[in-house]
Amino acid sequence: MANEELLKELLGGGKKSEFDLLAILRILWRKKHLVLIPLALSWLISTVGLQYIPPTYLSASSVAIESPSSFTRDLERLLDEQGSRRQDVSELGRVRAQIREQELLDEVIDYLGLDQTPILRQRAHKLAEGPLAGEDVNDIARRLAAEEIRQRLEVRLGSQGLYNIRVESHDPVKAWILCRVITHKFVDSRRQWELAEITAKGDFSDEQVAIYKERLHRAETELERFQEAQQTTLAQGNPVNGANVILAEEVMRSYSQELADIESQVNAARTRLRETLGLVPTSDRILGNRDLRTLENKQIHTMLQNLFSFLETRIRRDESLTEVIEDASVGSDRQAYRERLRELADGIYVQESAMTRELITAYHYRLMLVRSFQELVDTLERYIGNFRENLSGQPAYQAELARRQAEVNKYREFLDAFQQQSTSAQITRAIQASQLASRIEVRAEPVRPIRPIKPNKPRLQLVFLFLGLATGLGLVLLTEMFNRSFTTVKDIEETLGLPVLGTIPALEKGPGQAKIHRRKNTLTWAIAMALFVVVMAGMMYFLEGLYSRTEFTMDSQAVEEMMP
């Protein structure tokens, strides 16, 4: 039993000793070389390696991009802070995308001649001979330069409406010049983009003004004729009755189909004019010409009289419906209308070609036919509706009158809105072109950096020293964990709980065994230190590659222009 307890004590199963700080310090002092050597190696590697890491300088600028309404932006920020933040992040994404576009970076590269950097040219030649065989070397070099700029370019969100453009370089002057060129190129590009957007809105508004001016004129004319026709109907009575209602419906369907065909021709002519002139031409001198209105009203009146006569006789003639309603008198009025229209077009659009003027004439002539046929169809529809309802016509008249008046008011509102938008766009375009009230401006110009922002050499050196210290302490811990022998008499007495009466000197295991053992320990220690040196050097090499950037070669003339 005593032998078992003694065996447990020897194997560490006996009572545990208390924490002894002095004993730990003695162990560290005894094995101080295990701590000092990794510490010295880490200090040496970090000191030498940091000399090969090039410094990185940062130059930054601030660009303000104002919202269309500062009051609206502030109000939205107060009411919905998270929504405003999302808008800021979304705008930041658009700014980043615009400033990293290849087209913008190509302007920077061309201005500074960055694609002539020797290292980039060498890489471009290798790519042209290998994976990108057949592509232009200059184009590859420009793409490599653009990618290099993107790696050292960063855009951050500042305060309200401010965006910070940051550019890094190993040369402080090049960092400053590159940041300044990128900033001003971006501002110019953004202004051109905003001006193009305003111009597009203005062109769209001008086109809509022409369309709705035409629709308003047509609606007002139809309202006027509707009221005149109603007065005639009240005086003469309804020409549609039980004897000719079926014939009247056939005529209405026939002219409805004719009206649809003419409207499709009008749309085709409008498309051709937009492709030729960029917009649909309209002129008050054409729409408001008294001769044209007189001829148009005359031929419509003749058509209606022919229609009423046709319905009253109720006789199906050998002539076609078109020949009966659109007789020679109507054809003569239309021919006079077309000739007068051609004279007006030649006088108003004298700067256009003869083919374009003829196209404008045909377009307005078809619009007249649309109005004429629409009046015929509306009149028949009103008479047939009155007959079907067997009423005096007043309720239907009031409803139709209200509908037409509402249509006129609607087109007038649309026309006023697009005219106002067109005028606003023209004013804004003029202001933007003169840069009197630009929504984007440089608030803070970039400056030449004085001190590098990285690497932080003291911090990196402390990190390496910490790694060396941690490695040394780890080695001490490992050697103590795997060493199960007693080192002092006190350790034996504390473990066994028995006094030590005497000690015997250590005996060699054989001839030269102690020397062989020391050699093994030395070899193991050398291998461990070599691995430590390799790992630390690899980390330093990684950091050197992480901080290194291709140094651009800039056009000296462009640099001199940027210098104050």
Protein backbone atom coordinates (compact mmCIF):
# COMPACT_ATOMS: atom_id res chain seq x y z
CA MET A 1 0.00 0.00 0.00
CA ALA A 2 2.85 2.33 0.80
CA ASN A 3 4.46 1.51 -2.53
CA GLU A 4 1.24 2.47 -4.42
CA GLU A 5 0.98 5.82 -2.65
CA LEU A 6 4.66 6.46 -3.34
CA LEU A 7 4.09 5.65 -7.02
CA LYS A 8 1.14 8.09 -7.22
CA GLU A 9 3.27 10.80 -5.67
CA LEU A 10 6.03 10.16 -8.20
CA LEU A 11 3.58 10.22 -11.11
CA GLY A 12 2.00 13.46 -9.94
CA GLY A 13 -1.06 11.99 -8.33
CA GLY A 14 -0.15 13.18 -4.86
CA LYS A 15 -0.94 16.48 -3.28
CA LYS A 16 -0.61 19.51 -5.52
CA SER A 17 1.81 22.24 -4.71
CA GLU A 18 0.56 25.81 -4.37
CA PHE A 19 1.29 28.57 -6.91
CA ASP A 20 4.83 29.84 -6.34
CA LEU A 21 5.70 33.03 -8.22
CA LEU A 22 9.30 32.87 -7.09
CA ALA A 23 9.65 29.36 -8.53
CA ILE A 24 8.26 30.54 -11.86
CA LEU A 25 10.68 33.46 -11.95
CA ARG A 26 13.56 31.06 -11.18
CA ILE A 27 12.48 28.86 -14.11
CA LEU A 28 12.32 31.88 -16.43
CA TRP A 29 15.73 33.04 -15.29
CA ARG A 30 17.19 29.57 -15.74
CA LYS A 31 15.75 29.35 -19.28
CA LYS A 32 16.07 33.00 -20.18
CA HIS A 33 17.81 32.14 -23.45
CA LEU A 34 14.57 30.56 -24.66
CA VAL A 35 12.88 33.97 -24.30
CA LEU A 36 15.66 36.37 -25.19
CA ILE A 37 16.75 34.75 -28.44
CA PRO A 38 13.25 34.82 -30.15
CA LEU A 39 12.78 38.32 -28.78
CA ALA A 40 16.08 39.49 -30.26
CA LEU A 41 15.38 37.77 -33.59
CA SER A 42 11.92 39.32 -33.87
CA TRP A 43 13.33 42.76 -33.10
CA LEU A 44 16.11 42.32 -35.67
CA ILE A 45 13.73 41.05 -38.40
CA SER A 46 11.20 43.82 -37.79
CA THR A 47 13.88 46.52 -37.72
CA VAL A 48 15.45 45.37 -40.99
CA GLY A 49 12.19 44.46 -42.73
CA LEU A 50 10.47 47.75 -41.99
CA GLN A 51 13.19 49.54 -43.90
CA TYR A 52 12.00 47.81 -47.09
CA ILE A 53 8.33 48.72 -46.69
CA PRO A 54 7.72 51.95 -48.64
CA PRO A 55 5.74 54.69 -46.89
CA THR A 56 2.21 55.44 -48.08
CA TYR A 57 0.94 59.02 -48.25
CA LEU A 58 -2.70 60.04 -48.36
CA SER A 59 -4.21 63.08 -50.06
CA ALA A 60 -7.93 63.81 -49.69
CA SER A 61 -10.51 66.28 -50.96
CA SER A 62 -14.14 67.03 -50.11
CA VAL A 63 -16.85 67.37 -52.75
CA ALA A 64 -20.32 68.71 -51.93
CA ILE A 65 -23.28 67.37 -53.90
CA GLU A 66 -26.40 69.32 -53.01
CA SER A 67 -29.90 67.86 -53.21
CA PRO A 68 -32.51 69.66 -55.39
CA SER A 69 -34.00 71.17 -52.22
CA SER A 70 -31.98 71.54 -49.07
CA PHE A 71 -35.14 72.24 -47.06
CA THR A 72 -36.73 69.02 -48.33
CA ARG A 73 -33.59 67.05 -47.51
CA ASP A 74 -33.42 68.45 -43.96
CA LEU A 75 -37.12 67.79 -43.41
CA GLU A 76 -36.75 64.19 -44.59
CA ARG A 77 -33.77 63.76 -42.29
CA LEU A 78 -35.82 64.93 -39.29
CA LEU A 79 -38.87 62.81 -40.14
CA ASP A 80 -37.10 59.63 -41.22
CA GLU A 81 -33.49 59.43 -40.11
CA GLN A 82 -33.04 55.82 -41.24
CA GLY A 83 -34.59 56.53 -44.63
CA SER A 84 -32.32 59.54 -45.04
CA ARG A 85 -29.34 57.40 -44.14
CA ARG A 86 -30.35 54.87 -46.78
CA GLN A 87 -30.55 57.67 -49.34
CA ASP A 88 -27.07 58.86 -48.35
CA VAL A 89 -25.69 55.33 -48.72
CA SER A 90 -27.43 54.94 -52.08
CA GLU A 91 -25.99 58.25 -53.29
CA LEU A 92 -22.57 57.20 -52.03
CA GLY A 93 -22.84 54.06 -54.16
CA ARG A 94 -23.68 56.14 -57.22
CA VAL A 95 -20.76 58.50 -56.56
CA ARG A 96 -18.37 55.56 -56.17
CA ALA A 97 -19.62 53.99 -59.38
CA GLN A 98 -19.25 57.25 -61.32
CA ILE A 99 -15.78 58.02 -60.01
CA ARG A 100 -14.57 54.47 -60.77
CA GLU A 101 -15.96 54.38 -64.31
CA GLN A 102 -13.45 53.52 -67.01
CA GLU A 103 -14.39 56.60 -69.05
CA LEU A 104 -13.57 58.99 -66.19
CA LEU A 105 -10.36 57.16 -65.31
CA ASP A 106 -9.33 57.23 -68.98
CA GLU A 107 -9.48 61.04 -68.86
CA VAL A 108 -7.21 61.03 -65.78
CA ILE A 109 -4.83 58.56 -67.42
CA ASP A 110 -4.65 60.58 -70.65
CA TYR A 111 -4.13 63.86 -68.81
CA LEU A 112 -1.25 62.55 -66.65
CA GLY A 113 0.12 59.99 -69.13
CA LEU A 114 -0.12 57.18 -66.54
CA ASP A 115 -0.34 54.47 -69.21
CA GLN A 116 3.29 55.20 -70.10
CA THR A 117 4.54 53.85 -66.75
CA PRO A 118 7.31 51.34 -67.63
CA ILE A 119 6.14 48.61 -65.23
CA LEU A 120 2.61 48.78 -66.60
CA ARG A 121 3.91 48.73 -70.18
CA GLN A 122 5.94 45.60 -69.43
CA ARG A 123 2.94 43.88 -67.89
CA ALA A 124 0.80 44.93 -70.85
CA HIS A 125 3.28 43.44 -73.33
CA LYS A 126 3.34 40.14 -71.41
CA LEU A 127 -0.46 40.00 -71.38
CA ALA A 128 -0.62 40.88 -75.09
CA GLU A 129 1.76 38.03 -75.84
CA GLY A 130 -0.11 35.62 -73.58
CA PRO A 131 -3.70 35.53 -72.30
CA LEU A 132 -4.78 38.71 -74.12
CA ALA A 133 -3.13 37.94 -77.45
CA GLY A 134 -4.47 40.10 -80.27
CA GLU A 135 -5.51 43.05 -78.10
CA ASP A 136 -3.92 46.48 -78.32
CA VAL A 137 -1.03 47.00 -75.90
CA ASN A 138 -2.04 50.62 -75.24
CA ASP A 139 -5.58 49.57 -74.34
CA ILE A 140 -4.26 46.89 -71.95
CA ALA A 141 -1.92 49.44 -70.33
CA ARG A 142 -4.82 51.85 -69.83
CA ARG A 143 -6.90 49.13 -68.19
CA LEU A 144 -4.02 48.19 -65.90
CA ALA A 145 -3.54 51.84 -64.95
CA ALA A 146 -7.28 52.21 -64.26
CA GLU A 147 -7.25 49.12 -62.04
CA GLU A 148 -4.23 50.44 -60.16
CA ILE A 149 -6.03 53.75 -59.57
CA ARG A 150 -9.11 51.91 -58.27
CA GLN A 151 -6.96 50.05 -55.72
CA ARG A 152 -5.59 53.28 -54.23
CA LEU A 153 -8.83 55.31 -54.60
CA GLU A 154 -11.51 55.45 -51.94
CA VAL A 155 -14.70 57.49 -51.50
CA ARG A 156 -16.19 57.98 -48.04
CA LEU A 157 -19.37 59.61 -46.85
CA GLY A 158 -18.75 62.73 -44.78
CA SER A 159 -21.32 65.08 -43.30
CA GLN A 160 -24.55 66.04 -45.07
CA GLY A 161 -23.93 66.07 -48.81
CA LEU A 162 -20.13 65.83 -48.47
CA TYR A 163 -18.08 63.05 -50.05
CA ASN A 164 -14.38 62.57 -49.27
CA ILE A 165 -12.16 61.41 -52.13
CA ARG A 166 -8.96 59.77 -50.82
CA VAL A 167 -5.96 58.74 -52.94
CA GLU A 168 -2.85 56.89 -51.72
CA SER A 169 0.65 56.84 -53.21
CA HIS A 170 4.24 56.25 -52.12
CA ASP A 171 5.13 59.75 -53.38
CA PRO A 172 3.37 62.60 -51.53
CA VAL A 173 3.44 64.89 -54.57
CA LYS A 174 1.97 62.21 -56.83
CA ALA A 175 -0.73 61.45 -54.27
CA TRP A 176 -1.67 65.14 -54.20
CA ILE A 177 -1.65 65.55 -57.99
CA LEU A 178 -3.59 62.35 -58.61
CA CYS A 179 -6.24 63.28 -56.04
CA ARG A 180 -6.60 66.77 -57.46
CA VAL A 181 -6.97 65.57 -61.07
CA ILE A 182 -9.48 62.86 -60.12
CA THR A 183 -11.51 65.33 -58.06
CA HIS A 184 -11.78 67.96 -60.77
CA LYS A 185 -12.39 65.42 -63.54
CA PHE A 186 -15.19 63.90 -61.45
CA VAL A 187 -16.75 67.31 -60.76
CA ASP A 188 -16.63 68.24 -64.47
CA SER A 189 -18.07 64.86 -65.46
CA ARG A 190 -20.85 65.14 -62.88
CA ARG A 191 -21.77 68.62 -64.08
CA GLN A 192 -21.91 67.44 -67.68
CA TRP A 193 -24.07 64.49 -66.63
CA GLU A 194 -26.48 66.77 -64.76
CA LEU A 195 -26.61 69.17 -67.72
CA ALA A 196 -27.33 66.29 -70.10
CA GLU A 197 -30.10 65.06 -67.79
CA ILE A 198 -31.65 68.54 -67.64
CA THR A 199 -31.36 68.87 -71.42
CA ALA A 200 -33.10 65.51 -71.90
CA LYS A 201 -35.93 66.59 -69.61
CA GLY A 202 -36.23 69.88 -71.48
CA ASP A 203 -36.33 68.13 -74.88
CA PHE A 204 -38.99 65.76 -73.59
CA SER A 205 -41.02 68.68 -72.28
CA ASP A 206 -40.73 70.52 -75.61
CA GLU A 207 -42.01 67.46 -77.42
CA GLN A 208 -44.90 67.06 -74.98
CA VAL A 209 -45.74 70.76 -75.38
CA ALA A 210 -46.10 70.24 -79.12
CA ILE A 211 -48.26 67.14 -78.66
CA TYR A 212 -50.57 68.62 -76.04
CA LYS A 213 -50.87 71.92 -77.89
CA GLU A 214 -52.14 69.91 -80.83
CA ARG A 215 -54.50 67.88 -78.62
CA LEU A 216 -55.82 70.98 -76.90
CA HIS A 217 -56.50 72.66 -80.24
CA ARG A 218 -58.30 69.55 -81.44
CA ALA A 219 -60.37 69.25 -78.23
CA GLU A 220 -61.34 72.94 -78.30
CA THR A 221 -62.33 72.69 -81.96
CA GLU A 222 -64.41 69.57 -81.32
CA LEU A 223 -66.11 71.23 -78.33
CA GLU A 224 -66.96 74.26 -80.44
CA ARG A 225 -68.39 72.13 -83.24
CA PHE A 226 -70.25 69.94 -80.80
CA GLN A 227 -72.02 72.96 -79.35
CA GLU A 228 -72.82 74.30 -82.82
CA ALA A 229 -74.08 70.90 -83.96
CA GLN A 230 -76.24 70.60 -80.87
CA GLN A 231 -77.84 73.95 -81.61
CA THR A 232 -78.58 72.76 -85.14
CA THR A 233 -79.95 69.47 -83.80
CA LEU A 234 -82.26 71.21 -81.40
CA ALA A 235 -83.51 73.40 -84.21
CA GLN A 236 -83.90 70.71 -86.87
CA GLY A 237 -84.56 67.67 -84.78
CA ASN A 238 -82.83 64.26 -84.78
CA PRO A 239 -82.18 62.96 -88.31
CA VAL A 240 -81.83 59.41 -86.97
CA ASN A 241 -85.08 57.54 -86.57
CA GLY A 242 -86.41 54.03 -86.63
CA ALA A 243 -86.27 53.89 -90.42
CA ASN A 244 -82.59 54.74 -90.81
CA VAL A 245 -80.97 53.87 -87.47
CA ILE A 246 -79.42 50.67 -88.83
CA LEU A 247 -78.02 52.56 -91.82
CA ALA A 248 -76.66 55.26 -89.48
CA GLU A 249 -74.89 52.62 -87.38
CA GLU A 250 -73.30 51.13 -90.50
CA VAL A 251 -72.03 54.58 -91.52
CA MET A 252 -70.66 55.18 -87.99
CA ARG A 253 -68.80 51.84 -87.98
CA SER A 254 -67.38 52.52 -91.44
CA TYR A 255 -66.05 55.95 -90.47
CA SER A 256 -64.79 54.64 -87.09
CA GLN A 257 -62.61 52.17 -88.98
CA GLU A 258 -61.51 54.93 -91.35
CA LEU A 259 -60.70 57.11 -88.34
CA ALA A 260 -58.53 54.37 -86.80
CA ASP A 261 -56.58 53.97 -90.07
CA ILE A 262 -55.96 57.72 -90.34
CA GLU A 263 -54.82 57.90 -86.69
CA SER A 264 -52.28 55.12 -87.34
CA GLN A 265 -50.98 57.15 -90.28
CA VAL A 266 -50.72 60.22 -88.03
CA ASN A 267 -48.67 58.23 -85.49
CA ALA A 268 -46.37 56.96 -88.25
CA ALA A 269 -45.89 60.52 -89.56
CA ARG A 270 -45.21 61.77 -86.03
CA THR A 271 -42.52 59.09 -85.59
CA ARG A 272 -40.84 60.03 -88.90
CA LEU A 273 -40.84 63.71 -87.93
CA ARG A 274 -39.31 62.91 -84.54
CA GLU A 275 -36.58 60.86 -86.22
CA THR A 276 -35.91 63.62 -88.78
CA LEU A 277 -36.17 66.77 -86.65
CA GLY A 278 -35.77 65.38 -83.13
CA LEU A 279 -39.26 66.60 -82.12
CA VAL A 280 -42.79 66.97 -83.49
CA PRO A 281 -43.10 70.41 -85.16
CA THR A 282 -46.06 72.53 -84.23
CA SER A 283 -46.86 76.16 -84.84
CA ASP A 284 -49.62 78.46 -83.72
CA ARG A 285 -49.47 80.02 -87.19
CA ILE A 286 -50.68 76.69 -88.57
CA LEU A 287 -53.07 75.64 -85.82
CA GLY A 288 -54.65 79.10 -85.54
CA ASN A 289 -54.75 80.10 -89.21
CA ARG A 290 -58.22 81.47 -90.04
CA ASP A 291 -58.20 80.29 -93.68
CA LEU A 292 -57.46 76.73 -92.63
CA ARG A 293 -60.16 76.76 -89.98
CA THR A 294 -62.69 78.16 -92.46
CA LEU A 295 -61.89 75.48 -95.05
CA GLU A 296 -61.94 72.75 -92.42
CA ASN A 297 -65.32 73.86 -91.03
CA LYS A 298 -66.74 74.17 -94.53
CA GLN A 299 -65.85 70.66 -95.61
CA ILE A 300 -67.07 69.21 -92.29
CA HIS A 301 -70.36 71.08 -92.66
CA THR A 302 -70.72 69.74 -96.22
CA MET A 303 -70.03 66.19 -95.06
CA LEU A 304 -72.66 66.46 -92.34
CA GLN A 305 -75.22 67.85 -94.78
CA ASN A 306 -74.49 65.02 -97.20
CA LEU A 307 -74.81 62.57 -94.32
CA PHE A 308 -78.18 63.98 -93.23
CA SER A 309 -79.43 63.90 -96.82
CA PHE A 310 -78.26 60.32 -97.18
CA LEU A 311 -80.07 59.29 -94.00
CA GLU A 312 -83.27 61.09 -94.96
CA THR A 313 -83.55 59.49 -98.42
CA ARG A 314 -82.59 56.05 -97.05
CA ILE A 315 -81.77 55.01 -100.59
CA ARG A 316 -78.70 52.86 -101.21
CA ARG A 317 -77.04 54.28 -104.26
CA ASP A 318 -74.54 52.72 -106.65
CA GLU A 319 -71.81 55.07 -105.42
CA SER A 320 -69.72 54.13 -102.42
CA LEU A 321 -70.36 55.71 -99.05
CA THR A 322 -67.26 57.84 -99.44
CA GLU A 323 -68.43 59.17 -102.79
CA VAL A 324 -71.83 60.08 -101.33
CA ILE A 325 -70.66 61.89 -98.18
CA GLU A 326 -67.28 63.16 -99.44
CA ASP A 327 -68.44 64.58 -102.77
CA ALA A 328 -66.64 66.90 -105.17
CA SER A 329 -67.30 69.93 -103.01
CA VAL A 330 -65.59 68.28 -100.05
CA GLY A 331 -62.67 67.22 -102.25
CA SER A 332 -62.27 70.78 -103.54
CA ASP A 333 -62.23 72.19 -100.02
CA ARG A 334 -59.63 69.63 -98.97
CA GLN A 335 -57.45 70.41 -101.96
CA ALA A 336 -57.58 74.11 -101.10
CA TYR A 337 -56.80 73.26 -97.47
CA ARG A 338 -53.74 71.25 -98.51
CA GLU A 339 -52.42 74.00 -100.79
CA ARG A 340 -52.84 76.62 -98.09
CA LEU A 341 -51.18 74.31 -95.60
CA ARG A 342 -48.23 73.83 -97.96
CA GLU A 343 -47.83 77.59 -98.31
CA LEU A 344 -47.74 78.03 -94.55
CA ALA A 345 -45.25 75.18 -94.08
CA ASP A 346 -42.94 76.60 -96.76
CA GLY A 347 -43.01 79.98 -95.06
CA ILE A 348 -42.57 78.77 -91.48
CA TYR A 349 -40.08 75.94 -92.04
CA VAL A 350 -38.08 77.59 -94.81
CA GLN A 351 -34.80 76.31 -93.31
CA GLU A 352 -35.87 72.66 -93.72
CA SER A 353 -35.61 70.58 -96.89
CA ALA A 354 -38.47 70.27 -99.39
CA MET A 355 -39.02 66.64 -98.37
CA THR A 356 -39.28 67.62 -94.70
CA ARG A 357 -41.76 70.43 -95.48
CA GLU A 358 -43.88 68.00 -97.49
CA LEU A 359 -43.83 65.58 -94.57
CA ILE A 360 -44.98 68.37 -92.23
CA THR A 361 -47.76 69.27 -94.68
CA ALA A 362 -48.95 65.66 -94.91
CA TYR A 363 -48.84 65.35 -91.12
CA HIS A 364 -51.10 68.38 -90.50
CA TYR A 365 -53.39 67.36 -93.37
CA ARG A 366 -53.98 63.97 -91.77
CA LEU A 367 -54.66 65.68 -88.46
CA MET A 368 -57.42 67.64 -90.23
CA LEU A 369 -58.89 64.39 -91.55
CA VAL A 370 -58.82 62.92 -88.05
CA ARG A 371 -60.76 65.90 -86.71
CA SER A 372 -63.27 65.72 -89.57
CA PHE A 373 -63.96 62.01 -89.26
CA GLN A 374 -64.06 62.28 -85.47
CA GLU A 375 -66.73 64.98 -85.77
CA LEU A 376 -68.73 62.79 -88.13
CA VAL A 377 -68.51 59.76 -85.84
CA ASP A 378 -69.32 61.81 -82.72
CA THR A 379 -72.36 63.35 -84.40
CA LEU A 380 -73.72 59.99 -85.49
CA GLU A 381 -73.02 58.51 -82.08
CA ARG A 382 -74.88 61.34 -80.40
CA TYR A 383 -77.91 61.07 -82.71
CA ILE A 384 -78.05 57.30 -82.39
CA GLY A 385 -77.71 57.53 -78.61
CA ASN A 386 -80.49 60.08 -78.42
CA PHE A 387 -82.72 57.90 -80.51
CA ARG A 388 -81.93 54.76 -78.51
CA GLU A 389 -82.70 56.50 -75.25
CA ASN A 390 -85.87 58.03 -76.72
CA LEU A 391 -85.18 61.30 -74.95
CA SER A 392 -85.15 64.90 -75.97
CA GLY A 393 -81.35 64.81 -76.10
CA GLN A 394 -80.68 67.22 -73.24
CA PRO A 395 -79.33 64.72 -70.61
CA ALA A 396 -77.05 63.09 -73.17
CA TYR A 397 -75.98 66.51 -74.41
CA GLN A 398 -75.11 67.72 -70.92
CA ALA A 399 -73.09 64.56 -70.21
CA GLU A 400 -71.22 64.80 -73.51
CA LEU A 401 -70.66 68.52 -73.04
CA ALA A 402 -69.20 67.93 -69.56
CA ARG A 403 -66.93 65.20 -70.92
CA ARG A 404 -65.59 67.40 -73.70
CA GLN A 405 -65.08 70.36 -71.37
CA ALA A 406 -63.23 68.13 -68.92
CA GLU A 407 -61.05 66.89 -71.79
CA VAL A 408 -60.23 70.47 -72.79
CA ASN A 409 -59.36 71.36 -69.20
CA LYS A 410 -57.20 68.27 -68.83
CA TYR A 411 -55.19 69.02 -71.98
CA ARG A 412 -54.82 72.66 -70.92
CA GLU A 413 -53.43 71.60 -67.52
CA PHE A 414 -51.01 69.19 -69.16
CA LEU A 415 -49.89 71.85 -71.62
CA ASP A 416 -49.33 74.41 -68.85
CA ALA A 417 -47.38 71.88 -66.77
CA PHE A 418 -45.07 70.89 -69.64
CA GLN A 419 -44.57 74.52 -70.69
CA GLN A 420 -43.58 75.37 -67.13
CA GLN A 421 -41.24 72.36 -66.96
CA SER A 422 -39.72 73.27 -70.33
CA THR A 423 -39.11 76.87 -69.20
CA SER A 424 -37.67 75.69 -65.89
CA ALA A 425 -35.39 73.24 -67.67
CA GLN A 426 -34.15 75.97 -70.02
CA ILE A 427 -33.41 78.30 -67.11
CA THR A 428 -31.70 75.54 -65.12
CA ARG A 429 -29.70 74.51 -68.18
CA ALA A 430 -28.49 78.06 -68.67
CA ILE A 431 -27.54 78.37 -65.00
CA GLN A 432 -25.78 75.02 -64.99
CA ALA A 433 -23.91 75.88 -68.15
CA SER A 434 -22.65 79.09 -66.54
CA GLN A 435 -21.97 77.24 -63.23
CA LEU A 436 -23.72 79.98 -61.26
CA ALA A 437 -25.71 77.54 -59.17
CA SER A 438 -24.08 74.16 -59.60
CA ARG A 439 -25.25 71.32 -57.41
CA ILE A 440 -21.69 70.00 -57.12
CA GLU A 441 -18.57 71.84 -56.05
CA VAL A 442 -15.20 71.21 -54.46
CA ARG A 443 -15.38 72.28 -50.83
CA ALA A 444 -11.84 71.28 -49.81
CA GLU A 445 -8.99 71.01 -52.30
CA PRO A 446 -6.44 68.22 -51.75
CA VAL A 447 -3.16 69.19 -50.09
CA ARG A 448 0.31 67.71 -50.16
CA PRO A 449 0.65 65.20 -47.34
CA ILE A 450 3.54 65.67 -44.90
CA ARG A 451 3.64 62.40 -42.96
CA PRO A 452 2.86 58.91 -44.25
CA ILE A 453 -0.27 57.23 -42.93
CA LYS A 454 1.23 53.74 -43.12
CA PRO A 455 3.01 51.63 -42.23
CA ASN A 456 2.86 52.43 -38.52
CA LYS A 457 6.39 51.26 -37.80
CA PRO A 458 6.31 51.49 -33.97
CA ARG A 459 3.09 49.52 -33.83
CA LEU A 460 4.33 46.86 -36.24
CA GLN A 461 7.58 46.53 -34.30
CA LEU A 462 5.64 46.10 -31.07
CA VAL A 463 3.57 43.39 -32.73
CA PHE A 464 6.69 41.52 -33.81
CA LEU A 465 8.23 41.89 -30.33
CA PHE A 466 5.04 40.54 -28.80
CA LEU A 467 5.17 37.55 -31.15
CA GLY A 468 8.81 36.92 -30.21
CA LEU A 469 8.00 37.16 -26.49
CA ALA A 470 4.99 34.87 -26.90
CA THR A 471 7.13 32.36 -28.79
CA GLY A 472 9.81 32.37 -26.06
CA LEU A 473 7.29 31.95 -23.24
CA GLY A 474 5.65 29.16 -25.21
CA LEU A 475 8.96 27.35 -25.53
CA VAL A 476 9.55 27.67 -21.81
CA LEU A 477 6.07 26.28 -21.12
CA LEU A 478 6.56 23.35 -23.50
CA THR A 479 9.93 22.40 -22.01
CA GLU A 480 8.46 22.47 -18.52
CA MET A 481 5.43 20.42 -19.55
CA PHE A 482 7.53 17.65 -21.09
CA ASN A 483 10.17 17.67 -18.36
CA ARG A 484 8.90 15.30 -15.61
CA SER A 485 12.16 15.11 -13.66
CA PHE A 486 12.92 16.72 -10.28
CA THR A 487 15.19 19.71 -10.48
CA THR A 488 15.73 20.52 -6.79
CA VAL A 489 15.75 18.70 -3.43
CA LYS A 490 12.87 20.91 -2.31
CA ASP A 491 10.69 19.56 -5.19
CA ILE A 492 11.32 15.99 -3.97
CA GLU A 493 10.51 16.80 -0.35
CA GLU A 494 7.32 18.68 -1.28
CA THR A 495 6.13 15.93 -3.61
CA LEU A 496 6.93 12.92 -1.39
CA GLY A 497 6.44 14.59 1.93
CA LEU A 498 9.68 12.95 3.19
CA PRO A 499 13.02 14.49 4.12
CA VAL A 500 15.99 13.93 1.84
CA LEU A 501 18.96 12.48 3.74
CA GLY A 502 21.52 12.71 0.90
CA THR A 503 22.09 13.06 -2.83
CA ILE A 504 24.16 11.12 -5.36
CA PRO A 505 25.87 12.90 -8.25
CA ALA A 506 24.43 12.27 -11.75
CA LEU A 507 25.99 9.32 -13.53
CA GLU A 508 26.62 9.29 -17.25
CA LYS A 509 24.61 6.76 -19.23
CA GLY A 510 27.66 5.76 -21.14
CA PRO A 511 30.75 7.15 -22.83
CA GLY A 512 29.83 10.53 -24.46
CA GLN A 513 26.07 10.22 -23.80
CA ALA A 514 25.81 13.64 -22.15
CA LYS A 515 27.60 15.23 -25.09
CA ILE A 516 25.31 13.48 -27.58
CA HIS A 517 22.27 14.60 -25.60
CA ARG A 518 23.45 18.20 -25.62
CA ARG A 519 24.02 18.03 -29.38
CA LYS A 520 20.47 16.76 -29.92
CA ASN A 521 19.06 19.57 -27.82
CA THR A 522 21.17 22.13 -29.68
CA LEU A 523 20.06 20.77 -33.09
CA THR A 524 16.39 20.82 -32.06
CA TRP A 525 16.80 24.37 -30.77
CA ALA A 526 18.50 25.50 -34.00
CA ILE A 527 15.74 23.99 -36.15
CA ALA A 528 13.08 25.67 -34.03
CA MET A 529 14.79 29.04 -34.32
CA ALA A 530 15.24 28.61 -38.08
CA LEU A 531 11.53 27.93 -38.46
CA PHE A 532 10.79 30.96 -36.31
CA VAL A 533 13.02 33.15 -38.47
CA VAL A 534 11.35 31.82 -41.66
CA VAL A 535 7.86 32.52 -40.31
CA MET A 536 8.73 36.02 -39.16
CA ALA A 537 10.49 36.83 -42.44
CA GLY A 538 7.47 35.50 -44.36
CA MET A 539 5.19 37.78 -42.37
CA MET A 540 7.42 40.73 -43.12
CA TYR A 541 7.49 39.81 -46.83
CA PHE A 542 3.71 39.62 -46.82
CA LEU A 543 3.44 43.06 -45.22
CA GLU A 544 5.89 44.48 -47.76
CA GLY A 545 3.74 43.17 -50.62
CA LEU A 546 0.58 44.38 -48.92
CA TYR A 547 1.82 47.97 -48.60
CA SER A 548 3.64 48.17 -51.94
CA ARG A 549 2.01 49.89 -54.93
CA THR A 550 3.08 50.46 -58.51
CA GLU A 551 4.65 53.89 -58.74
CA PHE A 552 3.15 55.85 -61.64
CA THR A 553 5.19 57.84 -64.12
CA MET A 554 3.42 61.15 -64.76
CA ASP A 555 3.59 63.56 -67.68
CA SER A 556 5.90 66.36 -66.61
CA GLN A 557 3.93 69.02 -68.49
CA ALA A 558 0.67 67.99 -66.78
CA VAL A 559 2.41 67.99 -63.42
CA GLU A 560 3.79 71.49 -64.00
CA GLU A 561 0.28 72.72 -64.86
CA MET A 562 -1.04 71.32 -61.58
CA MET A 563 1.73 72.89 -59.53
CA PRO A 564 0.84 76.29 -58.02
